[in-house]
C-alpha atoms as a PDB file:
ATOM      1  CA  MET A   1      -1.745  42.836 -31.911  1.00  0.00           C
ATOM      2  CA  GLU A   2      -1.083  40.996 -28.659  1.00  0.00           C
ATOM      3  CA  LYS A   3      -2.326  40.759 -25.101  1.00  0.00           C
ATOM      4  CA  VAL A   4      -5.582  42.418 -24.092  1.00  0.00           C
ATOM      5  CA  GLY A   5      -7.526  45.312 -25.563  1.00  0.00           C
ATOM      6  CA  PHE A   6     -10.660  47.279 -24.860  1.00  0.00           C
ATOM      7  CA  HIS A   7     -13.505  49.097 -26.558  1.00  0.00           C
ATOM      8  CA  TYR A   8     -13.612  52.808 -25.815  1.00  0.00           C
ATOM      9  CA  TRP A   9     -16.826  54.829 -25.423  1.00  0.00           C
ATOM     10  CA  LEU A  10     -19.676  53.921 -27.803  1.00  0.00           C
ATOM     11  CA  ASP A  11     -19.856  57.507 -29.058  1.00  0.00           C
ATOM     12  CA  SER A  12     -17.209  59.787 -30.544  1.00  0.00           C
ATOM     13  CA  ASP A  13     -17.457  62.611 -27.998  1.00  0.00           C
ATOM     14  CA  HIS A  14     -14.666  61.617 -25.603  1.00  0.00           C
ATOM     15  CA  TYR A  15     -11.450  62.580 -27.360  1.00  0.00           C
ATOM     16  CA  SER A  16     -10.494  65.686 -25.393  1.00  0.00           C
ATOM     17  CA  GLU A  17      -7.264  66.195 -23.456  1.00  0.00           C
ATOM     18  CA  LYS A  18      -9.260  65.677 -20.260  1.00  0.00           C
ATOM     19  CA  ASP A  19     -10.578  62.344 -21.513  1.00  0.00           C
ATOM     20  CA  LEU A  20      -7.100  61.231 -22.502  1.00  0.00           C
ATOM     21  CA  ASN A  21      -5.658  62.131 -19.110  1.00  0.00           C
ATOM     22  CA  LEU A  22      -8.467  60.211 -17.421  1.00  0.00           C
ATOM     23  CA  TRP A  23      -8.479  56.995 -19.449  1.00  0.00           C
ATOM     24  CA  LEU A  24      -4.865  56.561 -20.555  1.00  0.00           C
ATOM     25  CA  PRO A  25      -3.573  55.738 -17.061  1.00  0.00           C
ATOM     26  CA  ARG A  26      -6.393  53.217 -16.628  1.00  0.00           C
ATOM     27  CA  LEU A  27      -5.641  51.552 -19.939  1.00  0.00           C
ATOM     28  CA  LYS A  28      -1.955  51.326 -19.043  1.00  0.00           C
ATOM     29  CA  SER A  29      -2.707  49.917 -15.583  1.00  0.00           C
ATOM     30  CA  LEU A  30      -4.758  47.162 -17.218  1.00  0.00           C
ATOM     31  CA  GLY A  31      -1.955  46.299 -19.615  1.00  0.00           C
ATOM     32  CA  ALA A  32      -3.934  47.284 -22.704  1.00  0.00           C
ATOM     33  CA  SER A  33      -2.101  46.849 -25.988  1.00  0.00           C
ATOM     34  CA  TRP A  34      -4.956  48.006 -28.225  1.00  0.00           C
ATOM     35  CA  VAL A  35      -8.193  49.977 -27.991  1.00  0.00           C
ATOM     36  CA  VAL A  36     -11.128  50.231 -30.403  1.00  0.00           C
ATOM     37  CA  LEU A  37     -12.126  53.854 -31.031  1.00  0.00           C
ATOM     38  CA  PRO A  38     -15.472  54.840 -32.602  1.00  0.00           C
ATOM     39  CA  ALA A  39     -14.522  57.004 -35.582  1.00  0.00           C
ATOM     40  CA  PRO A  40     -16.907  59.612 -37.021  1.00  0.00           C
ATOM     41  CA  THR A  41     -16.962  60.266 -40.762  1.00  0.00           C
ATOM     42  CA  CYS A  42     -17.447  64.031 -40.460  1.00  0.00           C
ATOM     43  CA  ARG A  43     -14.122  64.741 -38.750  1.00  0.00           C
ATOM     44  CA  ALA A  44     -10.924  63.075 -37.605  1.00  0.00           C
ATOM     45  CA  ILE A  45     -10.193  62.026 -34.054  1.00  0.00           C
ATOM     46  CA  PRO A  46      -7.655  64.578 -32.702  1.00  0.00           C
ATOM     47  CA  GLU A  47      -4.101  63.776 -33.751  1.00  0.00           C
ATOM     48  CA  HIS A  48      -2.791  64.176 -30.195  1.00  0.00           C
ATOM     49  CA  PHE A  49      -5.176  61.466 -28.961  1.00  0.00           C
ATOM     50  CA  ILE A  50      -3.967  59.011 -31.615  1.00  0.00           C
ATOM     51  CA  THR A  51      -0.260  59.775 -31.350  1.00  0.00           C
ATOM     52  CA  THR A  52      -0.289  59.634 -27.554  1.00  0.00           C
ATOM     53  CA  LEU A  53      -1.787  56.153 -27.641  1.00  0.00           C
ATOM     54  CA  LYS A  54       0.873  55.105 -30.138  1.00  0.00           C
ATOM     55  CA  ARG A  55       3.637  56.562 -27.979  1.00  0.00           C
ATOM     56  CA  GLU A  56       2.335  54.562 -25.016  1.00  0.00           C
ATOM     57  CA  LYS A  57       2.421  51.343 -27.068  1.00  0.00           C
ATOM     58  CA  ILE A  58      -1.376  51.114 -27.344  1.00  0.00           C
ATOM     59  CA  THR A  59      -2.581  50.366 -30.875  1.00  0.00           C
ATOM     60  CA  PRO A  60      -5.625  52.427 -31.917  1.00  0.00           C
ATOM     61  CA  VAL A  61      -8.180  50.461 -33.953  1.00  0.00           C
ATOM     62  CA  LEU A  62     -10.659  52.772 -35.659  1.00  0.00           C
ATOM     63  CA  HIS A  63     -14.251  51.594 -36.027  1.00  0.00           C
ATOM     64  CA  PHE A  64     -16.375  53.373 -38.634  1.00  0.00           C
ATOM     65  CA  GLN A  65     -19.919  52.260 -37.813  1.00  0.00           C
ATOM     66  CA  LEU A  66     -21.332  53.128 -41.204  1.00  0.00           C
ATOM     67  CA  ASN A  67     -24.953  53.179 -42.286  1.00  0.00           C
ATOM     68  CA  SER A  68     -25.479  51.250 -45.522  1.00  0.00           C
ATOM     69  CA  GLU A  69     -28.383  53.516 -46.402  1.00  0.00           C
ATOM     70  CA  LYS A  70     -26.287  56.686 -46.181  1.00  0.00           C
ATOM     71  CA  LEU A  71     -22.689  55.955 -47.051  1.00  0.00           C
ATOM     72  CA  PRO A  72     -20.029  58.695 -47.180  1.00  0.00           C
ATOM     73  CA  ALA A  73     -18.294  59.301 -50.488  1.00  0.00           C
ATOM     74  CA  VAL A  74     -15.190  57.213 -51.061  1.00  0.00           C
ATOM     75  CA  GLU A  75     -13.223  60.407 -51.765  1.00  0.00           C
ATOM     76  CA  GLU A  76     -14.162  61.821 -48.360  1.00  0.00           C
ATOM     77  CA  MET A  77     -13.175  58.626 -46.593  1.00  0.00           C
ATOM     78  CA  MET A  78      -9.918  58.506 -48.535  1.00  0.00           C
ATOM     79  CA  LEU A  79      -8.920  61.845 -46.994  1.00  0.00           C
ATOM     80  CA  LEU A  80      -9.596  60.477 -43.512  1.00  0.00           C
ATOM     81  CA  PHE A  81      -7.733  57.267 -44.279  1.00  0.00           C
ATOM     82  CA  GLU A  82      -4.689  59.189 -45.522  1.00  0.00           C
ATOM     83  CA  THR A  83      -4.707  61.408 -42.432  1.00  0.00           C
ATOM     84  CA  TYR A  84      -4.915  58.498 -40.025  1.00  0.00           C
ATOM     85  CA  GLN A  85      -2.239  56.569 -41.888  1.00  0.00           C
ATOM     86  CA  LYS A  86       0.128  59.529 -41.509  1.00  0.00           C
ATOM     87  CA  TRP A  87      -0.556  59.508 -37.761  1.00  0.00           C
ATOM     88  CA  GLY A  88       0.405  55.867 -37.466  1.00  0.00           C
ATOM     89  CA  VAL A  89      -2.994  54.156 -37.555  1.00  0.00           C
ATOM     90  CA  LYS A  90      -2.969  50.682 -39.092  1.00  0.00           C
ATOM     91  CA  TYR A  91      -6.339  48.997 -38.533  1.00  0.00           C
ATOM     92  CA  THR A  92      -9.783  50.279 -39.518  1.00  0.00           C
ATOM     93  CA  ILE A  93     -13.050  48.413 -39.027  1.00  0.00           C
ATOM     94  CA  LEU A  94     -15.749  49.225 -41.592  1.00  0.00           C
ATOM     95  CA  PHE A  95     -19.447  48.808 -40.658  1.00  0.00           C
ATOM     96  CA  ASP A  96     -20.928  46.984 -37.681  1.00  0.00           C
ATOM     97  CA  ARG A  97     -23.177  43.878 -37.896  1.00  0.00           C
ATOM     98  CA  PRO A  98     -24.331  44.936 -41.382  1.00  0.00           C
ATOM     99  CA  TYR A  99     -26.954  42.191 -41.592  1.00  0.00           C
ATOM    100  CA  ILE A 100     -28.929  43.931 -38.805  1.00  0.00           C
ATOM    101  CA  PRO A 101     -30.608  47.126 -40.118  1.00  0.00           C
ATOM    102  CA  VAL A 102     -30.528  50.132 -37.822  1.00  0.00           C
ATOM    103  CA  ILE A 103     -33.252  52.690 -37.174  1.00  0.00           C
ATOM    104  CA  LYS A 104     -32.182  55.824 -35.363  1.00  0.00           C
ATOM    105  CA  VAL A 105     -34.807  57.301 -33.055  1.00  0.00           C
ATOM    106  CA  MET A 106     -34.095  60.902 -32.188  1.00  0.00           C
ATOM    107  CA  GLY A 107     -35.157  63.103 -29.311  1.00  0.00           C
ATOM    108  CA  LEU A 108     -35.974  60.548 -26.618  1.00  0.00           C
ATOM    109  CA  GLY A 109     -35.779  62.000 -23.122  1.00  0.00           C
ATOM    110  CA  GLY A 110     -37.529  65.316 -23.614  1.00  0.00           C
ATOM    111  CA  GLY A 111     -35.373  67.061 -26.179  1.00  0.00           C
ATOM    112  CA  GLY A 112     -32.823  69.792 -25.714  1.00  0.00           C
ATOM    113  CA  SER A 113     -29.544  68.935 -24.016  1.00  0.00           C
ATOM    114  CA  ASN A 114     -31.158  65.856 -22.454  1.00  0.00           C
ATOM    115  CA  ALA A 115     -32.187  64.329 -25.768  1.00  0.00           C
ATOM    116  CA  VAL A 116     -31.010  60.788 -26.204  1.00  0.00           C
ATOM    117  CA  ASP A 117     -30.138  59.107 -29.485  1.00  0.00           C
ATOM    118  CA  ARG A 118     -30.970  55.425 -29.424  1.00  0.00           C
ATOM    119  CA  MET A 119     -29.830  52.903 -32.003  1.00  0.00           C
ATOM    120  CA  ILE A 120     -32.556  50.285 -32.434  1.00  0.00           C
ATOM    121  CA  HIS A 121     -31.722  47.162 -34.394  1.00  0.00           C
ATOM    122  CA  PHE A 122     -34.746  46.115 -36.398  1.00  0.00           C
ATOM    123  CA  GLY A 123     -34.730  42.795 -38.281  1.00  0.00           C
ATOM    124  CA  LEU A 124     -36.708  43.476 -41.466  1.00  0.00           C
ATOM    125  CA  SER A 125     -34.724  44.114 -44.646  1.00  0.00           C
ATOM    126  CA  TRP A 126     -32.439  41.154 -43.869  1.00  0.00           C
ATOM    127  CA  ALA A 127     -35.011  39.065 -45.740  1.00  0.00           C
ATOM    128  CA  GLN A 128     -34.366  40.926 -48.981  1.00  0.00           C
ATOM    129  CA  SER A 129     -32.481  39.079 -51.682  1.00  0.00           C
ATOM    130  CA  ASP A 130     -28.750  39.524 -52.328  1.00  0.00           C
ATOM    131  CA  LEU A 131     -28.090  40.914 -48.848  1.00  0.00           C
ATOM    132  CA  THR A 132     -24.380  40.125 -48.921  1.00  0.00           C
ATOM    133  CA  GLU A 133     -23.882  41.473 -52.444  1.00  0.00           C
ATOM    134  CA  ARG A 134     -25.625  44.741 -51.549  1.00  0.00           C
ATOM    135  CA  PHE A 135     -23.428  45.018 -48.473  1.00  0.00           C
ATOM    136  CA  LEU A 136     -20.285  44.426 -50.530  1.00  0.00           C
ATOM    137  CA  ASP A 137     -21.342  47.179 -52.939  1.00  0.00           C
ATOM    138  CA  GLY A 138     -20.651  49.601 -50.095  1.00  0.00           C
ATOM    139  CA  PHE A 139     -17.917  47.761 -48.234  1.00  0.00           C
ATOM    140  CA  LEU A 140     -15.511  46.902 -51.043  1.00  0.00           C
ATOM    141  CA  PRO A 141     -14.875  50.431 -52.427  1.00  0.00           C
ATOM    142  CA  LEU A 142     -14.075  51.685 -48.925  1.00  0.00           C
ATOM    143  CA  ALA A 143     -11.907  48.680 -48.105  1.00  0.00           C
ATOM    144  CA  GLU A 144     -10.016  49.083 -51.380  1.00  0.00           C
ATOM    145  CA  ALA A 145      -9.466  52.769 -50.587  1.00  0.00           C
ATOM    146  CA  ALA A 146      -8.094  51.872 -47.151  1.00  0.00           C
ATOM    147  CA  VAL A 147      -5.647  49.411 -48.710  1.00  0.00           C
ATOM    148  CA  MET A 148      -4.532  52.006 -51.250  1.00  0.00           C
ATOM    149  CA  VAL A 149      -3.286  54.329 -48.499  1.00  0.00           C
ATOM    150  CA  GLY A 150      -1.614  51.555 -46.479  1.00  0.00           C
ATOM    151  CA  LEU A 151      -4.281  50.680 -43.907  1.00  0.00           C
ATOM    152  CA  VAL A 152      -5.477  47.211 -42.989  1.00  0.00           C
ATOM    153  CA  PRO A 153      -9.272  46.992 -43.442  1.00  0.00           C
ATOM    154  CA  VAL A 154     -11.152  44.831 -40.969  1.00  0.00           C
ATOM    155  CA  PHE A 155     -14.325  42.983 -41.922  1.00  0.00           C
ATOM    156  CA  PRO A 156     -17.134  44.187 -39.633  1.00  0.00           C
ATOM    157  CA  PRO A 157     -17.757  42.273 -36.425  1.00  0.00           C
ATOM    158  CA  LEU A 158     -20.671  39.862 -36.506  1.00  0.00           C
ATOM    159  CA  GLU A 159     -22.639  38.470 -33.611  1.00  0.00           C
ATOM    160  CA  PRO A 160     -24.451  35.166 -33.073  1.00  0.00           C
ATOM    161  CA  GLY A 161     -28.217  35.266 -32.779  1.00  0.00           C
ATOM    162  CA  GLY A 162     -30.834  37.547 -34.272  1.00  0.00           C
ATOM    163  CA  ASP A 163     -32.918  37.075 -37.398  1.00  0.00           C
ATOM    164  CA  TYR A 164     -30.088  36.220 -39.773  1.00  0.00           C
ATOM    165  CA  TRP A 165     -27.345  33.639 -39.286  1.00  0.00           C
ATOM    166  CA  ASP A 166     -24.043  35.423 -38.833  1.00  0.00           C
ATOM    167  CA  THR A 167     -22.176  32.448 -40.277  1.00  0.00           C
ATOM    168  CA  ILE A 168     -24.339  32.415 -43.420  1.00  0.00           C
ATOM    169  CA  PHE A 169     -23.723  36.144 -43.882  1.00  0.00           C
ATOM    170  CA  LEU A 170     -19.987  35.652 -43.390  1.00  0.00           C
ATOM    171  CA  ARG A 171     -19.852  32.766 -45.858  1.00  0.00           C
ATOM    172  CA  GLY A 172     -21.732  34.720 -48.520  1.00  0.00           C
ATOM    173  CA  SER A 173     -19.613  37.809 -47.971  1.00  0.00           C
ATOM    174  CA  LEU A 174     -16.333  35.920 -48.191  1.00  0.00           C
ATOM    175  CA  ASP A 175     -17.477  34.242 -51.411  1.00  0.00           C
ATOM    176  CA  GLY A 176     -18.302  37.652 -52.847  1.00  0.00           C
ATOM    177  CA  ILE A 177     -15.035  39.190 -51.670  1.00  0.00           C
ATOM    178  CA  LYS A 178     -13.089  36.355 -53.280  1.00  0.00           C
ATOM    179  CA  ARG A 179     -14.815  37.101 -56.597  1.00  0.00           C
ATOM    180  CA  ARG A 180     -14.778  40.886 -56.493  1.00  0.00           C
ATOM    181  CA  ALA A 181     -11.836  42.121 -54.415  1.00  0.00           C
ATOM    182  CA  SER A 182      -8.369  43.029 -55.628  1.00  0.00           C
ATOM    183  CA  ALA A 183      -5.361  40.877 -54.782  1.00  0.00           C
ATOM    184  CA  PRO A 184      -3.961  43.486 -52.334  1.00  0.00           C
ATOM    185  CA  LEU A 185      -7.258  43.582 -50.445  1.00  0.00           C
ATOM    186  CA  LEU A 186      -7.443  39.798 -50.288  1.00  0.00           C
ATOM    187  CA  GLU A 187      -3.940  39.752 -48.803  1.00  0.00           C
ATOM    188  CA  ARG A 188      -4.615  42.370 -46.117  1.00  0.00           C
ATOM    189  CA  LEU A 189      -8.241  41.909 -45.067  1.00  0.00           C
ATOM    190  CA  ILE A 190      -8.724  40.501 -41.571  1.00  0.00           C
ATOM    191  CA  LEU A 191     -11.837  39.402 -39.693  1.00  0.00           C
ATOM    192  CA  SER A 192     -13.417  40.516 -36.427  1.00  0.00           C
ATOM    193  CA  ALA A 193     -16.314  39.262 -34.321  1.00  0.00           C
ATOM    194  CA  TYR A 194     -18.358  39.993 -31.241  1.00  0.00           C
ATOM    195  CA  ALA A 195     -18.253  37.052 -28.875  1.00  0.00           C
ATOM    196  CA  PRO A 196     -20.399  37.659 -25.800  1.00  0.00           C
ATOM    197  CA  LEU A 197     -21.175  34.523 -23.817  1.00  0.00           C
ATOM    198  CA  ASN A 198     -24.490  35.776 -22.396  1.00  0.00           C
ATOM    199  CA  GLU A 199     -24.282  33.055 -19.749  1.00  0.00           C
ATOM    200  CA  ASN A 200     -24.048  30.366 -22.446  1.00  0.00           C
ATOM    201  CA  PRO A 201     -21.299  27.707 -22.633  1.00  0.00           C
ATOM    202  CA  LEU A 202     -18.304  28.251 -24.890  1.00  0.00           C
ATOM    203  CA  SER A 203     -19.740  25.692 -27.329  1.00  0.00           C
ATOM    204  CA  TRP A 204     -22.946  27.703 -27.777  1.00  0.00           C
ATOM    205  CA  GLY A 205     -23.763  28.221 -31.445  1.00  0.00           C
ATOM    206  CA  GLY A 206     -21.598  25.315 -32.596  1.00  0.00           C
ATOM    207  CA  GLY A 207     -22.854  23.813 -35.838  1.00  0.00           C
ATOM    208  CA  GLY A 208     -24.515  26.988 -37.102  1.00  0.00           C
ATOM    209  CA  PRO A 209     -27.608  26.535 -39.297  1.00  0.00           C
ATOM    210  CA  CYS A 210     -26.844  22.828 -39.705  1.00  0.00           C
ATOM    211  CA  LEU A 211     -27.438  22.194 -36.005  1.00  0.00           C
ATOM    212  CA  GLN A 212     -30.492  20.094 -35.108  1.00  0.00           C
ATOM    213  CA  ILE A 213     -32.354  21.908 -32.332  1.00  0.00           C
ATOM    214  CA  THR A 214     -34.540  19.870 -30.004  1.00  0.00           C
ATOM    215  CA  TYR A 215     -37.193  21.643 -27.992  1.00  0.00           C
ATOM    216  CA  ARG A 216     -38.355  20.227 -24.673  1.00  0.00           C
END
C-alpha cells in the first residue's frame, strides 16, 4: 500500500449505498489509497461497498476488533475470509490492542434508540501470567485460517502508554509466533501500530522499558 489512508467509522453501521456515495468522493479528493473498515463477525460488509472501493483504487483493510473472552469459531471466520478474498480483499487486522482488556457498558444515555455503547479499557487482567501466550491461543488459529484462503493477516495495532508496555507485549508475541506459527504465516504476517503524538515529540517513548525516567 502507498500514499495516505484513513480509518472509517468506528462502528460497522455505515456501509449503505448512501454512505458510500457520501464518503467515496471525499476519500478520492484526499487521494486516499487505502481505508481501514471495522468488520463485524456476524455478517459481511456489503459486496458492493468493497468492490466499489477496489474499482476506485482504494484498498480496503478489514479490522476485526475481536474480544479475547468471546472469540468466534474459526470455521465461521473462515467463511467470512473466503467471501472477502473472492471480493478482492487482501489485508485483515485481527484484534485491537489485545493487552488492554475491554469492558462493554450497555445502555448509557437512557436506553431505547438513544442508548450508547461505550468501550471502556480497563487495565486489570494484563497482570496475569502468560498474557502473550493466551493471546496467541486465539490469534494464531484465525491468522492461519486467513493465510489458508489467501489473505494477509495483520498483527493487531498496539499503542504506547497504559498499564502494559506495548513493546514488551510485541516482543513476547513475536517470540511466540516464531515458535508456534506455520511457515506460510511467518512469511505473510505484517505489523501495524497506533502512533498518536498526543502533543509529544517524535522521540517520545524511545528506549521503551529500558529508559531511565527522571522526575522533577
